[in-house]
Amino acid sequence: MKKLKVILIGAGSRGVGYTSNMAEKPDKFEVVAVAEPVEERRLNIKNKHNIPDEMCFESWEAIFEKDLPLH
């Protein structure tokens, strides 16, 4: 099965929980971007999933303005 690339929009408790479960299955999931206005939450996800700076956003709108390589 092909690995699913995931964009997390909202890094509150639910988003952290879901992506933590995904991290336990690295052969199935890869968190490739995060959108979260609260810097501490955004950085937590960035660091946990080794997301590059250019894939971390303060708003969900900013994600859709970028041409993301999700294939």
N, C-alpha and C. Protein backbone atom coordinates (compact mmCIF):
# COMPACT_ATOMS: atom_id res chain seq x y z
N MET A 1 0.84 -1.18 0.00
CA MET A 1 0.00 0.00 0.00
C MET A 1 0.89 1.24 0.00
N LYS A 2 0.45 2.24 -0.74
CA LYS A 2 1.18 3.50 -0.82
C LYS A 2 1.04 4.27 0.50
N LYS A 3 2.14 4.92 0.92
CA LYS A 3 2.13 5.72 2.14
C LYS A 3 1.26 6.96 1.91
N LEU A 4 0.41 7.28 2.88
CA LEU A 4 -0.44 8.47 2.80
C LEU A 4 0.30 9.67 3.37
N LYS A 5 0.33 10.76 2.61
CA LYS A 5 0.93 12.00 3.08
C LYS A 5 -0.18 12.85 3.69
N VAL A 6 0.09 13.36 4.89
CA VAL A 6 -0.93 14.03 5.69
C VAL A 6 -0.54 15.48 5.94
N ILE A 7 -1.53 16.37 5.83
CA ILE A 7 -1.39 17.77 6.22
C ILE A 7 -2.26 17.94 7.46
N LEU A 8 -1.66 18.37 8.55
CA LEU A 8 -2.42 18.60 9.78
C LEU A 8 -2.86 20.06 9.82
N ILE A 9 -4.16 20.25 9.89
CA ILE A 9 -4.72 21.59 10.04
C ILE A 9 -5.32 21.65 11.44
N GLY A 10 -4.61 22.33 12.32
CA GLY A 10 -5.02 22.44 13.72
C GLY A 10 -4.26 21.46 14.58
N ALA A 11 -3.35 21.96 15.38
CA ALA A 11 -2.48 21.11 16.20
C ALA A 11 -2.89 21.12 17.66
N GLY A 12 -4.20 21.08 17.89
CA GLY A 12 -4.71 20.95 19.25
C GLY A 12 -4.61 19.50 19.70
N SER A 13 -5.34 19.16 20.74
CA SER A 13 -5.22 17.81 21.31
C SER A 13 -5.63 16.72 20.31
N ARG A 14 -6.66 16.96 19.53
CA ARG A 14 -7.08 15.96 18.56
C ARG A 14 -6.04 15.75 17.48
N GLY A 15 -5.53 16.85 16.94
CA GLY A 15 -4.50 16.76 15.89
C GLY A 15 -3.24 16.08 16.39
N VAL A 16 -2.84 16.41 17.61
CA VAL A 16 -1.65 15.78 18.20
C VAL A 16 -1.90 14.28 18.39
N GLY A 17 -3.08 13.93 18.86
CA GLY A 17 -3.41 12.52 19.07
C GLY A 17 -3.40 11.73 17.77
N TYR A 18 -4.06 12.27 16.76
CA TYR A 18 -4.11 11.56 15.47
C TYR A 18 -2.72 11.40 14.87
N THR A 19 -1.93 12.47 14.89
CA THR A 19 -0.61 12.36 14.27
C THR A 19 0.35 11.51 15.11
N SER A 20 0.13 11.44 16.41
CA SER A 20 0.94 10.53 17.25
C SER A 20 0.66 9.08 16.85
N ASN A 21 -0.62 8.76 16.62
CA ASN A 21 -0.96 7.42 16.15
C ASN A 21 -0.34 7.14 14.79
N MET A 22 -0.34 8.13 13.92
CA MET A 22 0.26 7.96 12.60
C MET A 22 1.77 7.74 12.70
N ALA A 23 2.41 8.39 13.65
CA ALA A 23 3.86 8.25 13.82
C ALA A 23 4.24 6.82 14.20
N GLU A 24 3.31 6.09 14.79
CA GLU A 24 3.55 4.70 15.15
C GLU A 24 3.47 3.77 13.94
N LYS A 25 3.03 4.31 12.81
CA LYS A 25 2.90 3.53 11.57
C LYS A 25 3.60 4.26 10.42
N PRO A 26 4.92 4.45 10.52
CA PRO A 26 5.63 5.25 9.51
C PRO A 26 5.62 4.63 8.11
N ASP A 27 5.30 3.36 8.01
CA ASP A 27 5.19 2.73 6.70
C ASP A 27 3.87 3.08 6.01
N LYS A 28 2.90 3.61 6.78
CA LYS A 28 1.58 3.94 6.23
C LYS A 28 1.31 5.44 6.14
N PHE A 29 1.93 6.25 7.03
CA PHE A 29 1.63 7.67 7.10
C PHE A 29 2.88 8.52 7.18
N GLU A 30 2.79 9.72 6.60
CA GLU A 30 3.85 10.72 6.73
C GLU A 30 3.19 12.09 6.87
N VAL A 31 3.44 12.76 7.98
CA VAL A 31 2.91 14.11 8.19
C VAL A 31 3.87 15.06 7.48
N VAL A 32 3.39 15.74 6.43
CA VAL A 32 4.27 16.55 5.58
C VAL A 32 4.11 18.05 5.77
N ALA A 33 3.03 18.47 6.46
CA ALA A 33 2.80 19.90 6.66
C ALA A 33 1.89 20.10 7.86
N VAL A 34 1.98 21.29 8.45
CA VAL A 34 1.13 21.64 9.58
C VAL A 34 0.70 23.10 9.45
N ALA A 35 -0.56 23.36 9.78
CA ALA A 35 -1.09 24.72 9.87
C ALA A 35 -1.66 24.91 11.26
N GLU A 36 -1.11 25.86 11.98
CA GLU A 36 -1.53 26.12 13.36
C GLU A 36 -1.12 27.53 13.75
N PRO A 37 -2.07 28.36 14.20
CA PRO A 37 -1.72 29.74 14.57
C PRO A 37 -0.88 29.86 15.85
N VAL A 38 -0.99 28.89 16.75
CA VAL A 38 -0.23 28.95 18.00
C VAL A 38 1.16 28.36 17.76
N GLU A 39 2.17 29.22 17.87
CA GLU A 39 3.54 28.83 17.51
C GLU A 39 4.01 27.59 18.28
N GLU A 40 3.78 27.53 19.56
CA GLU A 40 4.24 26.40 20.37
C GLU A 40 3.67 25.07 19.85
N ARG A 41 2.39 25.06 19.52
CA ARG A 41 1.76 23.85 18.99
C ARG A 41 2.33 23.50 17.62
N ARG A 42 2.48 24.52 16.78
CA ARG A 42 3.02 24.31 15.43
C ARG A 42 4.43 23.71 15.51
N LEU A 43 5.27 24.27 16.38
CA LEU A 43 6.64 23.78 16.52
C LEU A 43 6.69 22.36 17.10
N ASN A 44 5.76 22.05 17.97
CA ASN A 44 5.69 20.70 18.53
C ASN A 44 5.50 19.67 17.41
N ILE A 45 4.54 19.91 16.53
CA ILE A 45 4.29 18.99 15.41
C ILE A 45 5.47 19.01 14.45
N LYS A 46 6.00 20.17 14.16
CA LYS A 46 7.16 20.29 13.27
C LYS A 46 8.30 19.41 13.76
N ASN A 47 8.61 19.51 15.02
CA ASN A 47 9.73 18.76 15.59
C ASN A 47 9.45 17.26 15.69
N LYS A 48 8.23 16.90 16.07
CA LYS A 48 7.87 15.49 16.20
C LYS A 48 7.94 14.74 14.87
N HIS A 49 7.61 15.45 13.79
CA HIS A 49 7.49 14.79 12.49
C HIS A 49 8.54 15.25 11.48
N ASN A 50 9.53 15.98 11.98
CA ASN A 50 10.63 16.45 11.12
C ASN A 50 10.12 17.17 9.87
N ILE A 51 9.21 18.09 10.08
CA ILE A 51 8.62 18.86 8.98
C ILE A 51 9.51 20.07 8.71
N PRO A 52 9.90 20.30 7.46
CA PRO A 52 10.74 21.47 7.17
C PRO A 52 9.99 22.79 7.39
N ASP A 53 10.74 23.84 7.67
CA ASP A 53 10.15 25.16 7.94
C ASP A 53 9.17 25.60 6.87
N GLU A 54 9.51 25.35 5.61
CA GLU A 54 8.66 25.83 4.51
C GLU A 54 7.33 25.09 4.42
N MET A 55 7.14 24.06 5.24
CA MET A 55 5.88 23.31 5.25
C MET A 55 5.10 23.54 6.55
N CYS A 56 5.47 24.59 7.29
CA CYS A 56 4.79 24.96 8.52
C CYS A 56 4.12 26.32 8.31
N PHE A 57 2.83 26.38 8.61
CA PHE A 57 2.04 27.56 8.29
C PHE A 57 1.24 28.03 9.51
N GLU A 58 0.99 29.33 9.55
CA GLU A 58 0.19 29.90 10.64
C GLU A 58 -1.30 29.80 10.39
N SER A 59 -1.70 29.54 9.14
CA SER A 59 -3.13 29.44 8.83
C SER A 59 -3.36 28.37 7.77
N TRP A 60 -4.58 27.84 7.77
CA TRP A 60 -4.91 26.84 6.77
C TRP A 60 -4.95 27.45 5.37
N GLU A 61 -5.30 28.74 5.29
CA GLU A 61 -5.36 29.40 3.98
C GLU A 61 -4.00 29.39 3.29
N ALA A 62 -2.94 29.57 4.07
CA ALA A 62 -1.58 29.61 3.52
C ALA A 62 -1.19 28.29 2.88
N ILE A 63 -1.68 27.20 3.42
CA ILE A 63 -1.38 25.88 2.83
C ILE A 63 -1.92 25.80 1.42
N PHE A 64 -3.14 26.27 1.22
CA PHE A 64 -3.77 26.14 -0.09
C PHE A 64 -3.25 27.13 -1.11
N GLU A 65 -2.46 28.09 -0.67
CA GLU A 65 -1.80 29.02 -1.59
C GLU A 65 -0.50 28.43 -2.13
N LYS A 66 -0.04 27.36 -1.52
CA LYS A 66 1.25 26.73 -1.89
C LYS A 66 0.98 25.49 -2.72
N ASP A 67 1.83 25.25 -3.70
CA ASP A 67 1.73 24.04 -4.51
C ASP A 67 2.48 22.92 -3.79
N LEU A 68 1.75 22.11 -3.06
CA LEU A 68 2.36 21.08 -2.23
C LEU A 68 2.62 19.80 -3.03
N PRO A 69 3.80 19.21 -2.83
CA PRO A 69 4.12 17.94 -3.50
C PRO A 69 3.55 16.76 -2.73
N LEU A 70 2.30 16.43 -2.98
CA LEU A 70 1.65 15.38 -2.21
C LEU A 70 1.58 14.04 -2.96
N HIS A 71 2.19 13.94 -4.08
CA HIS A 71 2.12 12.68 -4.84
C HIS A 71 3.27 11.78 -4.49
